[in-house]
């Protein structure tokens, strides 16, 4: 994958991928974000195939980043808040 495609994907994920509170919301958000990412990549002249060649399914990648963000968010909450 080109360096331009890698930088695009890193920047886009950093800007768009944030904590989601439940697995169902994570999957829906990942699907929406994957479509948006593909559209923005195309606008930037980056074929989706270039990104997928390097990282595989971008929806799965985004979902894993959302899960990581949710886990990190829960670990930073006080014990009483995490249980809510």
PDB file of N, CA and C in Angstrom:
ATOM      1  N   UNK A   1       0.858  -1.171   0.000  1.00  0.00           N
ATOM      2  CA  UNK A   1       0.000   0.000   0.000  1.00  0.00           C
ATOM      3  C   UNK A   1       0.898   1.226   0.000  1.00  0.00           C
ATOM      4  N   UNK A   2       0.454   2.242  -0.672  1.00  0.00           N
ATOM      5  CA  UNK A   2       1.249   3.451  -0.744  1.00  0.00           C
ATOM      6  C   UNK A   2       1.279   4.170   0.598  1.00  0.00           C
ATOM      7  N   UNK A   3       2.339   4.927   0.811  1.00  0.00           N
ATOM      8  CA  UNK A   3       2.472   5.709   2.042  1.00  0.00           C
ATOM      9  C   UNK A   3       1.312   6.698   2.161  1.00  0.00           C
ATOM     10  N   UNK A   4       0.871   7.225   1.035  1.00  0.00           N
ATOM     11  CA  UNK A   4      -0.252   8.165   1.020  1.00  0.00           C
ATOM     12  C   UNK A   4      -1.517   7.485   1.547  1.00  0.00           C
ATOM     13  N   UNK A   5      -1.763   6.250   1.134  1.00  0.00           N
ATOM     14  CA  UNK A   5      -2.938   5.510   1.587  1.00  0.00           C
ATOM     15  C   UNK A   5      -2.842   5.201   3.075  1.00  0.00           C
ATOM     16  N   UNK A   6      -1.665   4.831   3.551  1.00  0.00           N
ATOM     17  CA  UNK A   6      -1.469   4.528   4.971  1.00  0.00           C
ATOM     18  C   UNK A   6      -1.731   5.779   5.805  1.00  0.00           C
ATOM     19  N   UNK A   7      -1.156   6.902   5.406  1.00  0.00           N
ATOM     20  CA  UNK A   7      -1.338   8.155   6.146  1.00  0.00           C
ATOM     21  C   UNK A   7      -2.799   8.580   6.145  1.00  0.00           C
ATOM     22  N   UNK A   8      -3.459   8.419   5.006  1.00  0.00           N
ATOM     23  CA  UNK A   8      -4.876   8.753   4.927  1.00  0.00           C
ATOM     24  C   UNK A   8      -5.666   7.928   5.940  1.00  0.00           C
ATOM     25  N   UNK A   9      -5.463   6.615   5.939  1.00  0.00           N
ATOM     26  CA  UNK A   9      -6.223   5.731   6.812  1.00  0.00           C
ATOM     27  C   UNK A   9      -5.947   6.041   8.281  1.00  0.00           C
ATOM     28  N   UNK A  10      -4.697   6.239   8.653  1.00  0.00           N
ATOM     29  CA  UNK A  10      -4.364   6.569  10.041  1.00  0.00           C
ATOM     30  C   UNK A  10      -5.049   7.861  10.487  1.00  0.00           C
ATOM     31  N   UNK A  11      -4.956   8.881   9.663  1.00  0.00           N
ATOM     32  CA  UNK A  11      -5.575  10.160  10.000  1.00  0.00           C
ATOM     33  C   UNK A  11      -7.083  10.065  10.094  1.00  0.00           C
ATOM     34  N   UNK A  12      -7.674   9.358   9.149  1.00  0.00           N
ATOM     35  CA  UNK A  12      -9.126   9.233   9.123  1.00  0.00           C
ATOM     36  C   UNK A  12      -9.619   8.481  10.349  1.00  0.00           C
ATOM     37  N   UNK A  13      -8.992   7.362  10.678  1.00  0.00           N
ATOM     38  CA  UNK A  13      -9.396   6.584  11.850  1.00  0.00           C
ATOM     39  C   UNK A  13      -9.230   7.414  13.117  1.00  0.00           C
ATOM     40  N   UNK A  14      -8.117   8.120  13.228  1.00  0.00           N
ATOM     41  CA  UNK A  14      -7.891   8.945  14.408  1.00  0.00           C
ATOM     42  C   UNK A  14      -8.955  10.016  14.589  1.00  0.00           C
ATOM     43  N   UNK A  15      -9.451  10.534  13.484  1.00  0.00           N
ATOM     44  CA  UNK A  15     -10.459  11.593  13.534  1.00  0.00           C
ATOM     45  C   UNK A  15     -11.863  11.056  13.780  1.00  0.00           C
ATOM     46  N   UNK A  16     -12.192   9.922  13.215  1.00  0.00           N
ATOM     47  CA  UNK A  16     -13.573   9.449  13.197  1.00  0.00           C
ATOM     48  C   UNK A  16     -13.919   8.353  14.189  1.00  0.00           C
ATOM     49  N   UNK A  17     -12.953   7.563  14.607  1.00  0.00           N
ATOM     50  CA  UNK A  17     -13.243   6.384  15.413  1.00  0.00           C
ATOM     51  C   UNK A  17     -13.155   6.735  16.895  1.00  0.00           C
ATOM     52  N   UNK A  18     -14.317   6.708  17.546  1.00  0.00           N
ATOM     53  CA  UNK A  18     -14.409   7.039  18.960  1.00  0.00           C
ATOM     54  C   UNK A  18     -15.212   5.971  19.692  1.00  0.00           C
ATOM     55  N   UNK A  19     -15.153   6.005  21.002  1.00  0.00           N
ATOM     56  CA  UNK A  19     -15.782   5.014  21.872  1.00  0.00           C
ATOM     57  C   UNK A  19     -17.280   4.873  21.610  1.00  0.00           C
ATOM     58  N   UNK A  20     -17.742   3.635  21.543  1.00  0.00           N
ATOM     59  CA  UNK A  20     -19.158   3.304  21.458  1.00  0.00           C
ATOM     60  C   UNK A  20     -19.487   2.390  22.629  1.00  0.00           C
ATOM     61  N   UNK A  21     -20.617   2.590  23.301  1.00  0.00           N
ATOM     62  CA  UNK A  21     -20.891   1.867  24.534  1.00  0.00           C
ATOM     63  C   UNK A  21     -21.316   0.404  24.406  1.00  0.00           C
ATOM     64  N   UNK A  22     -21.768  -0.057  23.259  1.00  0.00           N
ATOM     65  CA  UNK A  22     -22.228  -1.443  23.176  1.00  0.00           C
ATOM     66  C   UNK A  22     -21.761  -2.103  21.882  1.00  0.00           C
ATOM     67  N   UNK A  23     -21.745  -3.438  21.907  1.00  0.00           N
ATOM     68  CA  UNK A  23     -21.296  -4.202  20.741  1.00  0.00           C
ATOM     69  C   UNK A  23     -22.183  -3.942  19.523  1.00  0.00           C
ATOM     70  N   UNK A  24     -23.487  -3.818  19.728  1.00  0.00           N
ATOM     71  CA  UNK A  24     -24.403  -3.562  18.612  1.00  0.00           C
ATOM     72  C   UNK A  24     -24.099  -2.207  17.998  1.00  0.00           C
ATOM     73  N   UNK A  25     -23.887  -1.212  18.837  1.00  0.00           N
ATOM     74  CA  UNK A  25     -23.566   0.119  18.322  1.00  0.00           C
ATOM     75  C   UNK A  25     -22.205   0.112  17.634  1.00  0.00           C
ATOM     76  N   UNK A  26     -21.272  -0.662  18.154  1.00  0.00           N
ATOM     77  CA  UNK A  26     -19.950  -0.755  17.531  1.00  0.00           C
ATOM     78  C   UNK A  26     -20.075  -1.297  16.109  1.00  0.00           C
ATOM     79  N   UNK A  27     -20.830  -2.369  15.926  1.00  0.00           N
ATOM     80  CA  UNK A  27     -20.969  -2.957  14.591  1.00  0.00           C
ATOM     81  C   UNK A  27     -21.649  -2.002  13.623  1.00  0.00           C
ATOM     82  N   UNK A  28     -22.720  -1.334  14.058  1.00  0.00           N
ATOM     83  CA  UNK A  28     -23.420  -0.380  13.197  1.00  0.00           C
ATOM     84  C   UNK A  28     -22.510   0.797  12.865  1.00  0.00           C
ATOM     85  N   UNK A  29     -21.799   1.306  13.877  1.00  0.00           N
ATOM     86  CA  UNK A  29     -20.900   2.439  13.662  1.00  0.00           C
ATOM     87  C   UNK A  29     -19.759   2.034  12.732  1.00  0.00           C
ATOM     88  N   UNK A  30     -19.221   0.829  12.906  1.00  0.00           N
ATOM     89  CA  UNK A  30     -18.135   0.354  12.051  1.00  0.00           C
ATOM     90  C   UNK A  30     -18.594   0.260  10.594  1.00  0.00           C
ATOM     91  N   UNK A  31     -19.799  -0.223  10.381  1.00  0.00           N
ATOM     92  CA  UNK A  31     -20.337  -0.331   9.023  1.00  0.00           C
ATOM     93  C   UNK A  31     -20.473   1.062   8.386  1.00  0.00           C
ATOM     94  N   UNK A  32     -21.038   1.992   9.142  1.00  0.00           N
ATOM     95  CA  UNK A  32     -21.208   3.358   8.649  1.00  0.00           C
ATOM     96  C   UNK A  32     -19.860   4.015   8.364  1.00  0.00           C
ATOM     97  N   UNK A  33     -18.934   3.873   9.311  1.00  0.00           N
ATOM     98  CA  UNK A  33     -17.618   4.488   9.145  1.00  0.00           C
ATOM     99  C   UNK A  33     -16.829   3.863   7.996  1.00  0.00           C
ATOM    100  N   UNK A  34     -16.977   2.569   7.782  1.00  0.00           N
ATOM    101  CA  UNK A  34     -16.279   1.908   6.677  1.00  0.00           C
ATOM    102  C   UNK A  34     -16.755   2.463   5.341  1.00  0.00           C
ATOM    103  N   UNK A  35     -18.066   2.676   5.210  1.00  0.00           N
ATOM    104  CA  UNK A  35     -18.594   3.268   3.973  1.00  0.00           C
ATOM    105  C   UNK A  35     -18.073   4.693   3.795  1.00  0.00           C
ATOM    106  N   UNK A  36     -18.085   5.456   4.891  1.00  0.00           N
ATOM    107  CA  UNK A  36     -17.605   6.839   4.828  1.00  0.00           C
ATOM    108  C   UNK A  36     -16.117   6.883   4.486  1.00  0.00           C
ATOM    109  N   UNK A  37     -15.340   6.004   5.093  1.00  0.00           N
ATOM    110  CA  UNK A  37     -13.906   5.947   4.823  1.00  0.00           C
ATOM    111  C   UNK A  37     -13.647   5.620   3.356  1.00  0.00           C
ATOM    112  N   UNK A  38     -14.367   4.658   2.814  1.00  0.00           N
ATOM    113  CA  UNK A  38     -14.193   4.276   1.412  1.00  0.00           C
ATOM    114  C   UNK A  38     -14.512   5.450   0.493  1.00  0.00           C
ATOM    115  N   UNK A  39     -15.570   6.189   0.812  1.00  0.00           N
ATOM    116  CA  UNK A  39     -15.953   7.343  -0.006  1.00  0.00           C
ATOM    117  C   UNK A  39     -14.888   8.440   0.072  1.00  0.00           C
ATOM    118  N   UNK A  40     -14.399   8.726   1.272  1.00  0.00           N
ATOM    119  CA  UNK A  40     -13.384   9.771   1.436  1.00  0.00           C
ATOM    120  C   UNK A  40     -12.066   9.353   0.790  1.00  0.00           C
ATOM    121  N   UNK A  41     -11.722   8.078   0.873  1.00  0.00           N
ATOM    122  CA  UNK A  41     -10.507   7.593   0.218  1.00  0.00           C
ATOM    123  C   UNK A  41     -10.618   7.787  -1.290  1.00  0.00           C
ATOM    124  N   UNK A  42     -11.781   7.460  -1.846  1.00  0.00           N
ATOM    125  CA  UNK A  42     -11.995   7.632  -3.283  1.00  0.00           C
ATOM    126  C   UNK A  42     -11.864   9.103  -3.668  1.00  0.00           C
ATOM    127  N   UNK A  43     -12.421   9.997  -2.836  1.00  0.00           N
ATOM    128  CA  UNK A  43     -12.294  11.436  -3.097  1.00  0.00           C
ATOM    129  C   UNK A  43     -10.830  11.874  -3.093  1.00  0.00           C
ATOM    130  N   UNK A  44     -10.017  11.211  -2.254  1.00  0.00           N
ATOM    131  CA  UNK A  44      -8.591  11.538  -2.151  1.00  0.00           C
ATOM    132  C   UNK A  44      -7.766  10.811  -3.216  1.00  0.00           C
ATOM    133  N   UNK A  45      -8.441  10.045  -4.074  1.00  0.00           N
ATOM    134  CA  UNK A  45      -7.743   9.334  -5.142  1.00  0.00           C
ATOM    135  C   UNK A  45      -7.086   8.046  -4.684  1.00  0.00           C
ATOM    136  N   UNK A  46      -7.551   7.503  -3.554  1.00  0.00           N
ATOM    137  CA  UNK A  46      -6.980   6.272  -3.008  1.00  0.00           C
ATOM    138  C   UNK A  46      -7.984   5.146  -3.212  1.00  0.00           C
ATOM    139  N   UNK A  47      -7.654   4.176  -4.040  1.00  0.00           N
ATOM    140  CA  UNK A  47      -8.568   3.048  -4.245  1.00  0.00           C
ATOM    141  C   UNK A  47      -8.731   2.239  -2.959  1.00  0.00           C
ATOM    142  N   UNK A  48      -9.947   1.831  -2.667  1.00  0.00           N
ATOM    143  CA  UNK A  48     -10.228   1.011  -1.493  1.00  0.00           C
ATOM    144  C   UNK A  48      -9.381  -0.261  -1.518  1.00  0.00           C
ATOM    145  N   UNK A  49      -9.118  -0.773  -2.703  1.00  0.00           N
ATOM    146  CA  UNK A  49      -8.323  -1.982  -2.838  1.00  0.00           C
ATOM    147  C   UNK A  49      -6.911  -1.794  -2.260  1.00  0.00           C
ATOM    148  N   UNK A  50      -6.355  -0.582  -2.412  1.00  0.00           N
ATOM    149  CA  UNK A  50      -5.028  -0.306  -1.856  1.00  0.00           C
ATOM    150  C   UNK A  50      -5.033  -0.424  -0.336  1.00  0.00           C
ATOM    151  N   UNK A  51      -6.086   0.097   0.272  1.00  0.00           N
ATOM    152  CA  UNK A  51      -6.199   0.032   1.732  1.00  0.00           C
ATOM    153  C   UNK A  51      -6.430  -1.410   2.164  1.00  0.00           C
ATOM    154  N   UNK A  52      -7.357  -2.095   1.498  1.00  0.00           N
ATOM    155  CA  UNK A  52      -7.683  -3.470   1.876  1.00  0.00           C
ATOM    156  C   UNK A  52      -6.515  -4.421   1.661  1.00  0.00           C
ATOM    157  N   UNK A  53      -5.676  -4.120   0.686  1.00  0.00           N
ATOM    158  CA  UNK A  53      -4.493  -4.940   0.447  1.00  0.00           C
ATOM    159  C   UNK A  53      -3.587  -4.955   1.680  1.00  0.00           C
ATOM    160  N   UNK A  54      -3.521  -3.821   2.357  1.00  0.00           N
ATOM    161  CA  UNK A  54      -2.654  -3.686   3.525  1.00  0.00           C
ATOM    162  C   UNK A  54      -3.315  -4.143   4.816  1.00  0.00           C
ATOM    163  N   UNK A  55      -4.587  -3.787   5.025  1.00  0.00           N
ATOM    164  CA  UNK A  55      -5.226  -4.025   6.327  1.00  0.00           C
ATOM    165  C   UNK A  55      -6.362  -5.034   6.294  1.00  0.00           C
ATOM    166  N   UNK A  56      -6.744  -5.498   5.134  1.00  0.00           N
ATOM    167  CA  UNK A  56      -7.880  -6.416   5.045  1.00  0.00           C
ATOM    168  C   UNK A  56      -9.186  -5.637   5.069  1.00  0.00           C
ATOM    169  N   UNK A  57     -10.194  -6.200   5.670  1.00  0.00           N
ATOM    170  CA  UNK A  57     -11.524  -5.599   5.737  1.00  0.00           C
ATOM    171  C   UNK A  57     -11.492  -4.362   6.632  1.00  0.00           C
ATOM    172  N   UNK A  58     -11.760  -3.188   6.053  1.00  0.00           N
ATOM    173  CA  UNK A  58     -11.674  -1.973   6.861  1.00  0.00           C
ATOM    174  C   UNK A  58     -12.780  -1.899   7.906  1.00  0.00           C
ATOM    175  N   UNK A  59     -13.923  -2.524   7.631  1.00  0.00           N
ATOM    176  CA  UNK A  59     -14.996  -2.536   8.639  1.00  0.00           C
ATOM    177  C   UNK A  59     -14.537  -3.296   9.880  1.00  0.00           C
ATOM    178  N   UNK A  60     -13.859  -4.411   9.690  1.00  0.00           N
ATOM    179  CA  UNK A  60     -13.334  -5.174  10.825  1.00  0.00           C
ATOM    180  C   UNK A  60     -12.271  -4.377  11.575  1.00  0.00           C
ATOM    181  N   UNK A  61     -11.410  -3.685  10.833  1.00  0.00           N
ATOM    182  CA  UNK A  61     -10.379  -2.862  11.459  1.00  0.00           C
ATOM    183  C   UNK A  61     -11.012  -1.753  12.297  1.00  0.00           C
ATOM    184  N   UNK A  62     -11.997  -1.075  11.730  1.00  0.00           N
ATOM    185  CA  UNK A  62     -12.664   0.004  12.453  1.00  0.00           C
ATOM    186  C   UNK A  62     -13.389  -0.546  13.676  1.00  0.00           C
ATOM    187  N   UNK A  63     -14.056  -1.684  13.539  1.00  0.00           N
ATOM    188  CA  UNK A  63     -14.756  -2.286  14.682  1.00  0.00           C
ATOM    189  C   UNK A  63     -13.768  -2.612  15.805  1.00  0.00           C
ATOM    190  N   UNK A  64     -12.594  -3.124  15.449  1.00  0.00           N
ATOM    191  CA  UNK A  64     -11.614  -3.451  16.489  1.00  0.00           C
ATOM    192  C   UNK A  64     -11.112  -2.187  17.176  1.00  0.00           C
ATOM    193  N   UNK A  65     -10.950  -1.102  16.416  1.00  0.00           N
ATOM    194  CA  UNK A  65     -10.524   0.176  17.024  1.00  0.00           C
ATOM    195  C   UNK A  65     -11.611   0.730  17.935  1.00  0.00           C
ATOM    196  N   UNK A  66     -12.879   0.584  17.530  1.00  0.00           N
ATOM    197  CA  UNK A  66     -13.990   1.032  18.380  1.00  0.00           C
ATOM    198  C   UNK A  66     -14.033   0.226  19.679  1.00  0.00           C
ATOM    199  N   UNK A  67     -13.808  -1.085  19.580  1.00  0.00           N
ATOM    200  CA  UNK A  67     -13.787  -1.943  20.776  1.00  0.00           C
ATOM    201  C   UNK A  67     -12.645  -1.534  21.702  1.00  0.00           C
ATOM    202  N   UNK A  68     -11.475  -1.271  21.131  1.00  0.00           N
ATOM    203  CA  UNK A  68     -10.331  -0.831  21.936  1.00  0.00           C
ATOM    204  C   UNK A  68     -10.641   0.487  22.641  1.00  0.00           C
ATOM    205  N   UNK A  69     -11.277   1.403  21.923  1.00  0.00           N
ATOM    206  CA  UNK A  69     -11.628   2.697  22.519  1.00  0.00           C
ATOM    207  C   UNK A  69     -12.633   2.518  23.647  1.00  0.00           C
ATOM    208  N   UNK A  70     -13.603   1.622  23.459  1.00  0.00           N
ATOM    209  CA  UNK A  70     -14.603   1.369  24.501  1.00  0.00           C
ATOM    210  C   UNK A  70     -13.948   0.757  25.735  1.00  0.00           C
ATOM    211  N   UNK A  71     -13.030  -0.185  25.523  1.00  0.00           N
ATOM    212  CA  UNK A  71     -12.324  -0.807  26.656  1.00  0.00           C
ATOM    213  C   UNK A  71     -11.468   0.218  27.391  1.00  0.00           C
ATOM    214  N   UNK A  72     -10.784   1.070  26.654  1.00  0.00           N
ATOM    215  CA  UNK A  72      -9.949   2.091  27.274  1.00  0.00           C
ATOM    216  C   UNK A  72     -10.808   3.079  28.049  1.00  0.00           C
ATOM    217  N   UNK A  73     -11.965   3.435  27.501  1.00  0.00           N
ATOM    218  CA  UNK A  73     -12.862   4.365  28.169  1.00  0.00           C
ATOM    219  C   UNK A  73     -13.375   3.768  29.476  1.00  0.00           C
ATOM    220  N   UNK A  74     -13.729   2.488  29.461  1.00  0.00           N
ATOM    221  CA  UNK A  74     -14.222   1.828  30.670  1.00  0.00           C
ATOM    222  C   UNK A  74     -13.137   1.736  31.727  1.00  0.00           C
ATOM    223  N   UNK A  75     -11.900   1.525  31.322  1.00  0.00           N
ATOM    224  CA  UNK A  75     -10.820   1.395  32.297  1.00  0.00           C
ATOM    225  C   UNK A  75     -10.483   2.736  32.937  1.00  0.00           C
ATOM    226  N   UNK A  76     -10.898   3.848  32.313  1.00  0.00           N
ATOM    227  CA  UNK A  76     -10.623   5.179  32.863  1.00  0.00           C
ATOM    228  C   UNK A  76     -11.761   5.711  33.717  1.00  0.00           C
ATOM    229  N   UNK A  77     -12.898   4.994  33.755  1.00  0.00           N
ATOM    230  CA  UNK A  77     -14.039   5.447  34.553  1.00  0.00           C
ATOM    231  C   UNK A  77     -13.887   4.963  35.985  1.00  0.00           C
ATOM    232  N   UNK A  78     -14.432   5.720  36.951  1.00  0.00           N
ATOM    233  CA  UNK A  78     -14.471   5.223  38.330  1.00  0.00           C
ATOM    234  C   UNK A  78     -15.273   3.918  38.386  1.00  0.00           C
ATOM    235  N   UNK A  79     -14.982   3.072  39.349  1.00  0.00           N
ATOM    236  CA  UNK A  79     -15.589   1.741  39.443  1.00  0.00           C
ATOM    237  C   UNK A  79     -17.121   1.808  39.395  1.00  0.00           C
ATOM    238  N   UNK A  80     -17.743   2.732  40.050  1.00  0.00           N
ATOM    239  CA  UNK A  80     -19.199   2.843  40.062  1.00  0.00           C
ATOM    240  C   UNK A  80     -19.758   3.202  38.696  1.00  0.00           C
ATOM    241  N   UNK A  81     -19.072   4.042  37.935  1.00  0.00           N
ATOM    242  CA  UNK A  81     -19.540   4.456  36.623  1.00  0.00           C
ATOM    243  C   UNK A  81     -19.439   3.341  35.600  1.00  0.00           C
ATOM    244  N   UNK A  82     -18.393   2.517  35.677  1.00  0.00           N
ATOM    245  CA  UNK A  82     -18.179   1.447  34.695  1.00  0.00           C
ATOM    246  C   UNK A  82     -19.299   0.423  34.743  1.00  0.00           C
ATOM    247  N   UNK A  83     -19.913   0.233  35.917  1.00  0.00           N
ATOM    248  CA  UNK A  83     -20.961  -0.773  36.070  1.00  0.00           C
ATOM    249  C   UNK A  83     -22.303  -0.301  35.526  1.00  0.00           C
ATOM    250  N   UNK A  84     -22.462   0.983  35.275  1.00  0.00           N
ATOM    251  CA  UNK A  84     -23.760   1.508  34.830  1.00  0.00           C
ATOM    252  C   UNK A  84     -24.104   1.087  33.452  1.00  0.00           C
TER     253      UNK A  84
END
